[in-house]
Amino acid sequence: MQRAFVALLKGDILSSLNFNPSLLPFLLTLLYVTLHLSFNFKNGARNILWLFGFTVLLMLANFVFKIILHF
């Protein structure tokens, strides 16, 4: 995820997604949690769970995909 973050900081979104496609949903989740703590959204906790679940699912899918391609 570090290489993906560095590529994102350099503005290279495609390389960032190639390194780790779950970085953008992870950062979106962190941003949403921060905003929810500040503004207390109506369905914020439910949305955080959905965002977190999607991010974890994407991380696991990326992990399995890279393992399958490695063999």
N, C-alpha and C. Protein backbone atom coordinates (compact mmCIF):
# COMPACT_ATOMS: atom_id res chain seq x y z
N MET A 1 0.83 -1.18 0.00
CA MET A 1 0.00 0.00 0.00
C MET A 1 0.88 1.26 0.00
N GLN A 2 2.11 1.12 0.47
CA GLN A 2 3.00 2.29 0.49
C GLN A 2 3.35 2.76 -0.92
N ARG A 3 3.65 1.82 -1.80
CA ARG A 3 3.98 2.20 -3.18
C ARG A 3 2.77 2.83 -3.86
N ALA A 4 1.58 2.32 -3.56
CA ALA A 4 0.36 2.89 -4.13
C ALA A 4 0.15 4.31 -3.62
N PHE A 5 0.43 4.54 -2.35
CA PHE A 5 0.27 5.88 -1.78
C PHE A 5 1.28 6.87 -2.38
N VAL A 6 2.52 6.42 -2.55
CA VAL A 6 3.54 7.29 -3.14
C VAL A 6 3.17 7.62 -4.59
N ALA A 7 2.69 6.62 -5.33
CA ALA A 7 2.27 6.87 -6.71
C ALA A 7 1.09 7.84 -6.75
N LEU A 8 0.18 7.71 -5.80
CA LEU A 8 -0.95 8.63 -5.73
C LEU A 8 -0.49 10.05 -5.40
N LEU A 9 0.47 10.18 -4.52
CA LEU A 9 1.01 11.51 -4.20
C LEU A 9 1.69 12.15 -5.40
N LYS A 10 2.29 11.32 -6.25
CA LYS A 10 2.93 11.83 -7.46
C LYS A 10 1.91 12.14 -8.56
N GLY A 11 0.65 11.76 -8.33
CA GLY A 11 -0.40 12.03 -9.30
C GLY A 11 -0.63 10.92 -10.30
N ASP A 12 0.03 9.81 -10.12
CA ASP A 12 -0.09 8.68 -11.04
C ASP A 12 -1.17 7.72 -10.52
N ILE A 13 -2.41 8.01 -10.84
CA ILE A 13 -3.54 7.25 -10.31
C ILE A 13 -3.55 5.82 -10.85
N LEU A 14 -3.23 5.63 -12.12
CA LEU A 14 -3.26 4.29 -12.70
C LEU A 14 -2.21 3.37 -12.06
N SER A 15 -1.03 3.88 -11.81
CA SER A 15 -0.02 3.07 -11.14
C SER A 15 -0.44 2.77 -9.70
N SER A 16 -1.05 3.74 -9.06
CA SER A 16 -1.54 3.54 -7.71
C SER A 16 -2.58 2.42 -7.66
N LEU A 17 -3.50 2.43 -8.62
CA LEU A 17 -4.51 1.38 -8.68
C LEU A 17 -3.89 0.03 -9.04
N ASN A 18 -2.83 0.06 -9.84
CA ASN A 18 -2.15 -1.18 -10.19
C ASN A 18 -1.43 -1.78 -8.98
N PHE A 19 -0.81 -0.95 -8.18
CA PHE A 19 -0.12 -1.44 -6.98
C PHE A 19 -1.12 -1.99 -5.96
N ASN A 20 -2.14 -1.22 -5.66
CA ASN A 20 -3.12 -1.64 -4.66
C ASN A 20 -4.43 -0.90 -4.92
N PRO A 21 -5.42 -1.58 -5.50
CA PRO A 21 -6.68 -0.91 -5.83
C PRO A 21 -7.53 -0.56 -4.62
N SER A 22 -7.18 -1.06 -3.45
CA SER A 22 -8.00 -0.76 -2.27
C SER A 22 -7.56 0.52 -1.55
N LEU A 23 -6.53 1.17 -2.04
CA LEU A 23 -6.06 2.39 -1.37
C LEU A 23 -7.09 3.51 -1.46
N LEU A 24 -7.67 3.73 -2.63
CA LEU A 24 -8.64 4.82 -2.78
C LEU A 24 -9.89 4.61 -1.91
N PRO A 25 -10.50 3.41 -1.88
CA PRO A 25 -11.61 3.23 -0.96
C PRO A 25 -11.20 3.36 0.51
N PHE A 26 -9.98 2.95 0.83
CA PHE A 26 -9.48 3.11 2.20
C PHE A 26 -9.38 4.58 2.58
N LEU A 27 -8.82 5.39 1.69
CA LEU A 27 -8.71 6.82 1.97
C LEU A 27 -10.08 7.48 2.02
N LEU A 28 -10.99 7.04 1.17
CA LEU A 28 -12.36 7.54 1.20
C LEU A 28 -13.03 7.20 2.54
N THR A 29 -12.80 5.99 3.03
CA THR A 29 -13.36 5.59 4.32
C THR A 29 -12.79 6.46 5.44
N LEU A 30 -11.49 6.69 5.43
CA LEU A 30 -10.89 7.55 6.45
C LEU A 30 -11.44 8.98 6.39
N LEU A 31 -11.62 9.49 5.20
CA LEU A 31 -12.18 10.82 5.04
C LEU A 31 -13.61 10.87 5.56
N TYR A 32 -14.40 9.85 5.21
CA TYR A 32 -15.80 9.81 5.65
C TYR A 32 -15.90 9.69 7.17
N VAL A 33 -15.04 8.88 7.79
CA VAL A 33 -15.04 8.75 9.25
C VAL A 33 -14.72 10.09 9.89
N THR A 34 -13.74 10.79 9.36
CA THR A 34 -13.37 12.10 9.89
C THR A 34 -14.53 13.09 9.77
N LEU A 35 -15.17 13.11 8.62
CA LEU A 35 -16.31 14.01 8.43
C LEU A 35 -17.49 13.62 9.31
N HIS A 36 -17.71 12.32 9.47
CA HIS A 36 -18.80 11.87 10.33
C HIS A 36 -18.57 12.26 11.78
N LEU A 37 -17.33 12.18 12.24
CA LEU A 37 -17.03 12.58 13.62
C LEU A 37 -17.21 14.09 13.81
N SER A 38 -17.00 14.85 12.75
CA SER A 38 -17.16 16.30 12.85
C SER A 38 -18.61 16.74 12.71
N PHE A 39 -19.34 16.13 11.77
CA PHE A 39 -20.68 16.61 11.44
C PHE A 39 -21.81 15.67 11.87
N ASN A 40 -21.49 14.46 12.34
CA ASN A 40 -22.48 13.51 12.84
C ASN A 40 -23.60 13.27 11.83
N PHE A 41 -23.25 12.63 10.71
CA PHE A 41 -24.23 12.33 9.67
C PHE A 41 -25.32 11.40 10.20
N LYS A 42 -26.51 11.48 9.59
CA LYS A 42 -27.66 10.71 10.06
C LYS A 42 -27.40 9.20 10.00
N ASN A 43 -26.95 8.69 8.87
CA ASN A 43 -26.67 7.26 8.71
C ASN A 43 -25.17 7.00 8.61
N GLY A 44 -24.40 7.78 9.32
CA GLY A 44 -22.94 7.72 9.19
C GLY A 44 -22.35 6.39 9.60
N ALA A 45 -22.81 5.83 10.72
CA ALA A 45 -22.24 4.57 11.21
C ALA A 45 -22.51 3.44 10.23
N ARG A 46 -23.71 3.40 9.67
CA ARG A 46 -24.05 2.36 8.70
C ARG A 46 -23.20 2.52 7.44
N ASN A 47 -23.05 3.75 6.98
CA ASN A 47 -22.23 3.99 5.79
C ASN A 47 -20.77 3.63 6.01
N ILE A 48 -20.27 3.89 7.21
CA ILE A 48 -18.89 3.53 7.54
C ILE A 48 -18.71 2.01 7.48
N LEU A 49 -19.68 1.28 8.00
CA LEU A 49 -19.61 -0.18 7.93
C LEU A 49 -19.60 -0.68 6.49
N TRP A 50 -20.43 -0.09 5.63
CA TRP A 50 -20.45 -0.48 4.23
C TRP A 50 -19.13 -0.14 3.53
N LEU A 51 -18.61 1.05 3.79
CA LEU A 51 -17.33 1.44 3.19
C LEU A 51 -16.20 0.54 3.67
N PHE A 52 -16.19 0.26 4.96
CA PHE A 52 -15.16 -0.61 5.52
C PHE A 52 -15.27 -2.02 4.93
N GLY A 53 -16.48 -2.55 4.83
CA GLY A 53 -16.67 -3.87 4.27
C GLY A 53 -16.23 -3.94 2.82
N PHE A 54 -16.57 -2.92 2.04
CA PHE A 54 -16.16 -2.87 0.63
C PHE A 54 -14.64 -2.82 0.52
N THR A 55 -14.00 -2.03 1.37
CA THR A 55 -12.54 -1.92 1.34
C THR A 55 -11.88 -3.24 1.68
N VAL A 56 -12.38 -3.92 2.71
CA VAL A 56 -11.82 -5.21 3.10
C VAL A 56 -12.03 -6.24 1.99
N LEU A 57 -13.21 -6.25 1.41
CA LEU A 57 -13.49 -7.18 0.31
C LEU A 57 -12.55 -6.94 -0.87
N LEU A 58 -12.31 -5.69 -1.18
CA LEU A 58 -11.39 -5.35 -2.27
C LEU A 58 -9.96 -5.75 -1.93
N MET A 59 -9.55 -5.56 -0.68
CA MET A 59 -8.20 -5.99 -0.26
C MET A 59 -8.04 -7.50 -0.40
N LEU A 60 -9.05 -8.26 0.05
CA LEU A 60 -8.97 -9.71 -0.04
C LEU A 60 -8.98 -10.18 -1.50
N ALA A 61 -9.82 -9.56 -2.33
CA ALA A 61 -9.87 -9.93 -3.74
C ALA A 61 -8.53 -9.65 -4.41
N ASN A 62 -7.93 -8.52 -4.11
CA ASN A 62 -6.63 -8.17 -4.67
C ASN A 62 -5.57 -9.17 -4.22
N PHE A 63 -5.60 -9.56 -2.96
CA PHE A 63 -4.64 -10.51 -2.43
C PHE A 63 -4.77 -11.87 -3.13
N VAL A 64 -5.98 -12.37 -3.26
CA VAL A 64 -6.21 -13.66 -3.91
C VAL A 64 -5.83 -13.58 -5.38
N PHE A 65 -6.19 -12.49 -6.04
CA PHE A 65 -5.86 -12.32 -7.45
C PHE A 65 -4.35 -12.34 -7.67
N LYS A 66 -3.60 -11.66 -6.82
CA LYS A 66 -2.14 -11.62 -6.98
C LYS A 66 -1.52 -12.98 -6.66
N ILE A 67 -2.08 -13.72 -5.72
CA ILE A 67 -1.58 -15.05 -5.44
C ILE A 67 -1.82 -15.98 -6.63
N ILE A 68 -3.00 -15.91 -7.22
CA ILE A 68 -3.32 -16.77 -8.36
C ILE A 68 -2.41 -16.43 -9.54
N LEU A 69 -2.18 -15.17 -9.80
CA LEU A 69 -1.31 -14.79 -10.93
C LEU A 69 0.15 -15.15 -10.67
N HIS A 70 0.53 -15.19 -9.41
CA HIS A 70 1.93 -15.50 -9.09
C HIS A 70 2.26 -16.95 -9.44
N PHE A 71 1.32 -17.84 -9.24
CA PHE A 71 1.54 -19.26 -9.54
C PHE A 71 1.29 -19.47 -10.97
